[in-house]
Amino acid sequence: MKGSLRLVAWCLAITLVVLPVVGVLRGWFAADRWPVTQLTVQAEFKHVKAEQVRAAVLPHLGRGFFALNLDAVQKAVASLPWVESVEASKRWPDTLLLRIYERQPFARWNDRQLISRQGKVFSVPADELSPDLPSLHGPDDHLAEVVSFYADARKAFAGTHLQITGVTLTERGSWSLVTADGAQIVLGDREQAGKRLRRFLDVYPKVIAGHDTGFAYADLRYTNGFAVRWLPPAAPASNDRGAPRT
């Protein structure tokens, strides 16, 4: 009996000690004491705007130091389009500290979204879809495959003057490439695309040697060769001096 009473007394004593601590930490007590009113941000911004961060954080400021919910702050800031990740902490007595990491865009995806260097697709306003980024197209569930094919194509063309700036995978599984000059290269189905591209690049230096201009279109879907449509030759410079006067 005495042992049971002693156990109850110890549990009660522990509860009386722990409950106030938990209450303070969870904001049950003194929720408005020591309000957090200062914001410090550590970041290197190219796209995220300071006013966006302030707007996301503002609803959470003014609360007591112990009542401020850091998880809610992190979620609010992480919801901004260009934010990759965010770390939130508090500095006594009134400061919220944010460390924000911005997304690094790698390419455009289906002309509507961007792909980060971490392989995440995210949405931004239309005027922030940089035209200088590579343009990748394909079904959303084949994103990784399209990115991988783009990387392989860039390596394959590394020894040429051609630069690959676009890749498309159609719903039917057909590949095509676009160069920086606007030329289109049609490769066809997945199984033959790599083989056809290597065959094209093996003979391309000899083919291009007889042409002063580049090509506009190349169809590699032939069994033993490919078809090329060349750009028209540049027009000769005109002489605007006219006939001499007498």
Protein backbone atom coordinates (compact mmCIF):
# COMPACT_ATOMS: atom_id res chain seq x y z
CA MET A 1 0.00 0.00 0.00
CA LYS A 2 2.78 2.40 0.95
CA GLY A 3 4.59 1.50 -2.26
CA SER A 4 1.54 2.38 -4.33
CA LEU A 5 1.11 5.72 -2.56
CA ARG A 6 4.79 6.50 -3.07
CA LEU A 7 4.47 5.74 -6.80
CA VAL A 8 1.41 7.99 -7.12
CA ALA A 9 3.20 10.78 -5.28
CA TRP A 10 6.19 10.55 -7.61
CA CYS A 11 3.98 10.61 -10.72
CA LEU A 12 2.13 13.64 -9.41
CA ALA A 13 5.36 15.43 -8.62
CA ILE A 14 6.76 14.74 -12.11
CA THR A 15 3.51 15.94 -13.70
CA LEU A 16 3.60 19.21 -11.75
CA VAL A 17 7.17 19.82 -12.92
CA VAL A 18 6.78 18.79 -16.58
CA LEU A 19 3.36 20.30 -17.31
CA PRO A 20 4.44 23.97 -17.02
CA VAL A 21 7.49 23.34 -19.22
CA VAL A 22 5.42 21.62 -21.91
CA GLY A 23 2.79 24.31 -21.62
CA VAL A 24 5.28 27.09 -22.23
CA LEU A 25 6.89 25.29 -25.14
CA ARG A 26 3.52 24.64 -26.79
CA GLY A 27 2.25 28.13 -26.12
CA TRP A 28 -0.38 27.11 -23.55
CA PHE A 29 0.90 29.70 -21.07
CA ALA A 30 2.07 33.24 -21.75
CA ALA A 31 1.29 32.89 -25.47
CA ASP A 32 1.52 36.66 -25.92
CA ARG A 33 4.62 37.22 -23.78
CA TRP A 34 7.93 38.14 -25.46
CA PRO A 35 6.40 38.66 -28.93
CA VAL A 36 8.55 37.89 -31.98
CA THR A 37 8.71 41.10 -34.00
CA GLN A 38 12.05 40.89 -35.83
CA LEU A 39 12.80 38.89 -39.00
CA THR A 40 16.30 37.96 -40.19
CA VAL A 41 16.73 36.20 -43.55
CA GLN A 42 19.89 34.48 -44.76
CA ALA A 43 19.72 33.74 -48.50
CA GLU A 44 21.06 34.52 -51.96
CA PHE A 45 18.06 35.54 -54.01
CA LYS A 46 17.73 35.73 -57.78
CA HIS A 47 14.02 35.09 -58.08
CA VAL A 48 12.50 35.09 -54.60
CA LYS A 49 11.39 38.59 -53.61
CA ALA A 50 11.80 39.99 -50.12
CA GLU A 51 8.20 41.20 -50.04
CA GLN A 52 7.00 37.65 -50.77
CA VAL A 53 8.88 36.34 -47.76
CA ARG A 54 7.57 39.11 -45.53
CA ALA A 55 3.99 38.46 -46.65
CA ALA A 56 4.34 34.74 -45.92
CA VAL A 57 5.82 35.33 -42.46
CA LEU A 58 3.79 38.34 -41.32
CA PRO A 59 0.71 36.39 -40.10
CA HIS A 60 3.00 34.48 -37.70
CA LEU A 61 4.88 37.44 -36.23
CA GLY A 62 3.72 39.17 -33.07
CA ARG A 63 3.09 35.93 -31.23
CA GLY A 64 4.92 34.99 -28.06
CA PHE A 65 8.44 33.62 -28.42
CA PHE A 66 7.42 30.17 -27.16
CA ALA A 67 4.07 30.19 -28.98
CA LEU A 68 5.53 30.83 -32.45
CA ASN A 69 5.02 27.70 -34.58
CA LEU A 70 8.20 27.17 -36.61
CA ASP A 71 6.67 24.35 -38.67
CA ALA A 72 3.88 26.67 -39.81
CA VAL A 73 6.42 29.35 -40.73
CA GLN A 74 8.50 26.88 -42.74
CA LYS A 75 5.46 25.61 -44.65
CA ALA A 76 4.33 29.16 -45.44
CA VAL A 77 7.72 30.17 -46.86
CA ALA A 78 8.30 26.82 -48.61
CA SER A 79 5.05 27.35 -50.56
CA LEU A 80 6.61 30.26 -52.48
CA PRO A 81 7.32 29.22 -56.12
CA TRP A 82 11.10 29.67 -56.14
CA VAL A 83 11.85 28.30 -52.66
CA GLU A 84 13.62 24.92 -52.65
CA SER A 85 13.82 24.56 -48.86
CA VAL A 86 13.76 26.70 -45.72
CA GLU A 87 15.08 26.38 -42.19
CA ALA A 88 13.41 28.38 -39.40
CA SER A 89 14.71 29.03 -35.90
CA LYS A 90 14.17 31.54 -33.08
CA ARG A 91 16.71 33.83 -31.47
CA TRP A 92 15.93 35.15 -28.01
CA PRO A 93 14.15 37.34 -27.24
CA ASP A 94 12.23 38.53 -30.32
CA THR A 95 13.78 37.36 -33.58
CA LEU A 96 12.74 34.81 -36.21
CA LEU A 97 15.68 33.56 -38.30
CA LEU A 98 15.11 32.07 -41.76
CA ARG A 99 17.69 30.35 -43.94
CA ILE A 100 16.20 30.05 -47.43
CA TYR A 101 17.57 28.05 -50.37
CA GLU A 102 16.33 29.08 -53.80
CA ARG A 103 15.54 26.67 -56.62
CA GLN A 104 18.11 26.52 -59.42
CA PRO A 105 16.25 26.07 -62.74
CA PHE A 106 17.64 23.46 -65.10
CA ALA A 107 15.15 23.47 -67.98
CA ARG A 108 11.61 24.34 -69.01
CA TRP A 109 9.07 21.53 -68.91
CA ASN A 110 6.25 21.44 -71.49
CA ASP A 111 6.46 25.24 -71.82
CA ARG A 112 4.46 25.65 -68.59
CA GLN A 113 6.77 24.71 -65.74
CA LEU A 114 10.43 24.53 -64.75
CA ILE A 115 12.67 21.68 -63.63
CA SER A 116 15.10 22.37 -60.79
CA ARG A 117 18.61 20.94 -60.64
CA GLN A 118 17.27 18.61 -57.96
CA GLY A 119 14.85 17.18 -60.54
CA LYS A 120 11.72 18.78 -59.09
CA VAL A 121 9.04 20.29 -61.35
CA PHE A 122 7.63 23.59 -60.14
CA SER A 123 5.38 26.35 -61.44
CA VAL A 124 6.23 30.05 -61.75
CA PRO A 125 4.51 33.03 -63.41
CA ALA A 126 4.61 32.83 -67.22
CA ASP A 127 6.92 35.85 -67.51
CA GLU A 128 9.53 34.01 -65.40
CA LEU A 129 9.83 31.05 -67.79
CA SER A 130 13.26 31.98 -69.15
CA PRO A 131 13.59 31.39 -72.91
CA ASP A 132 17.32 30.79 -72.44
CA LEU A 133 16.74 27.47 -70.68
CA PRO A 134 16.60 24.15 -72.56
CA SER A 135 13.05 23.20 -73.56
CA LEU A 136 12.01 19.64 -72.66
CA HIS A 137 8.67 18.09 -73.59
CA GLY A 138 7.04 14.79 -72.73
CA PRO A 139 4.48 12.97 -70.60
CA ASP A 140 4.75 13.95 -66.94
CA ASP A 141 5.39 10.36 -65.85
CA HIS A 142 8.43 10.18 -68.18
CA LEU A 143 10.20 13.26 -66.84
CA ALA A 144 13.29 11.37 -65.63
CA GLU A 145 13.61 9.59 -68.98
CA VAL A 146 13.43 12.86 -70.94
CA VAL A 147 16.02 14.54 -68.71
CA SER A 148 18.34 11.53 -69.06
CA PHE A 149 17.95 11.49 -72.85
CA TYR A 150 18.71 15.20 -73.02
CA ALA A 151 21.94 14.67 -71.04
CA ASP A 152 22.97 11.79 -73.32
CA ALA A 153 22.21 13.83 -76.45
CA ARG A 154 24.32 16.75 -75.23
CA LYS A 155 27.26 14.41 -74.65
CA ALA A 156 26.81 12.82 -78.07
CA PHE A 157 26.95 16.24 -79.80
CA ALA A 158 29.85 17.53 -77.69
CA GLY A 159 32.36 16.99 -80.50
CA THR A 160 30.32 18.94 -83.07
CA HIS A 161 29.39 22.58 -83.53
CA LEU A 162 25.76 21.68 -82.83
CA GLN A 163 24.22 22.46 -79.45
CA ILE A 164 21.10 20.62 -78.31
CA THR A 165 18.58 22.95 -76.67
CA GLY A 166 15.39 20.91 -76.85
CA VAL A 167 14.10 17.35 -76.51
CA THR A 168 10.61 15.99 -77.16
CA LEU A 169 9.15 12.57 -76.34
CA THR A 170 5.69 12.12 -77.84
CA GLU A 171 2.87 10.10 -76.27
CA ARG A 172 3.61 7.40 -78.84
CA GLY A 173 7.24 7.16 -77.74
CA SER A 174 8.97 9.03 -80.57
CA TRP A 175 12.06 11.19 -79.88
CA SER A 176 13.13 14.42 -81.56
CA LEU A 177 15.80 17.03 -80.85
CA VAL A 178 16.14 20.75 -81.50
CA THR A 179 19.45 22.57 -81.90
CA ALA A 180 20.38 26.12 -80.89
CA ASP A 181 20.07 27.10 -84.58
CA GLY A 182 16.48 25.87 -84.68
CA ALA A 183 17.17 22.67 -86.64
CA GLN A 184 14.94 19.68 -85.87
CA ILE A 185 16.28 16.11 -85.71
CA VAL A 186 13.66 13.34 -85.72
CA LEU A 187 14.92 10.07 -84.21
CA GLY A 188 11.79 7.97 -83.93
CA ASP A 189 11.04 5.21 -81.43
CA ARG A 190 12.93 4.59 -78.19
CA GLU A 191 14.52 1.31 -79.23
CA GLN A 192 16.25 2.74 -82.31
CA ALA A 193 16.85 6.35 -81.25
CA GLY A 194 20.34 5.88 -79.81
CA LYS A 195 21.55 3.75 -82.73
CA ARG A 196 20.20 6.20 -85.31
CA LEU A 197 21.79 9.16 -83.59
CA ARG A 198 25.23 7.51 -83.51
CA ARG A 199 24.92 6.64 -87.20
CA PHE A 200 24.04 10.24 -88.04
CA LEU A 201 26.94 11.69 -86.04
CA ASP A 202 29.43 9.23 -87.56
CA VAL A 203 28.88 10.61 -91.06
CA TYR A 204 27.77 14.15 -90.24
CA PRO A 205 31.25 15.76 -90.63
CA LYS A 206 31.48 14.43 -94.20
CA VAL A 207 27.92 15.44 -95.05
CA ILE A 208 28.26 18.99 -93.73
CA ALA A 209 31.59 19.50 -95.46
CA GLY A 210 29.93 20.13 -98.83
CA HIS A 211 27.49 22.73 -97.58
CA ASP A 212 28.03 26.34 -96.67
CA THR A 213 24.86 26.51 -94.62
CA GLY A 214 23.49 24.33 -91.84
CA PHE A 215 20.46 22.08 -92.07
CA ALA A 216 16.89 22.87 -91.07
CA TYR A 217 15.56 19.33 -90.65
CA ALA A 218 16.97 15.80 -90.42
CA ASP A 219 14.87 12.63 -90.45
CA LEU A 220 16.84 9.66 -89.12
CA ARG A 221 14.01 7.12 -89.27
CA TYR A 222 15.29 5.40 -92.41
CA THR A 223 16.68 1.87 -92.28
CA ASN A 224 19.98 2.57 -94.03
CA GLY A 225 20.33 6.33 -93.95
CA PHE A 226 18.60 9.62 -93.29
CA ALA A 227 17.10 12.60 -95.09
CA VAL A 228 18.32 16.17 -94.62
CA ARG A 229 16.74 19.45 -95.66
CA TRP A 230 19.35 22.18 -95.91
CA LEU A 231 18.92 25.87 -95.27
CA PRO A 232 18.81 28.02 -98.41
CA PRO A 233 22.10 29.71 -99.32
CA ALA A 234 22.58 33.23 -98.07
CA ALA A 235 21.62 35.94 -100.57
CA PRO A 236 24.62 37.80 -102.05
CA ALA A 237 25.24 41.27 -100.70
CA SER A 238 23.57 43.92 -102.88
CA ASN A 239 25.44 46.87 -104.37
CA ASP A 240 23.46 50.03 -103.56
CA ARG A 241 25.87 52.46 -105.16
CA GLY A 242 23.94 52.51 -108.42
CA ALA A 243 25.30 53.49 -111.83
CA PRO A 244 27.84 56.29 -112.01
CA ARG A 245 26.51 59.69 -113.09
CA THR A 246 27.83 61.53 -116.14
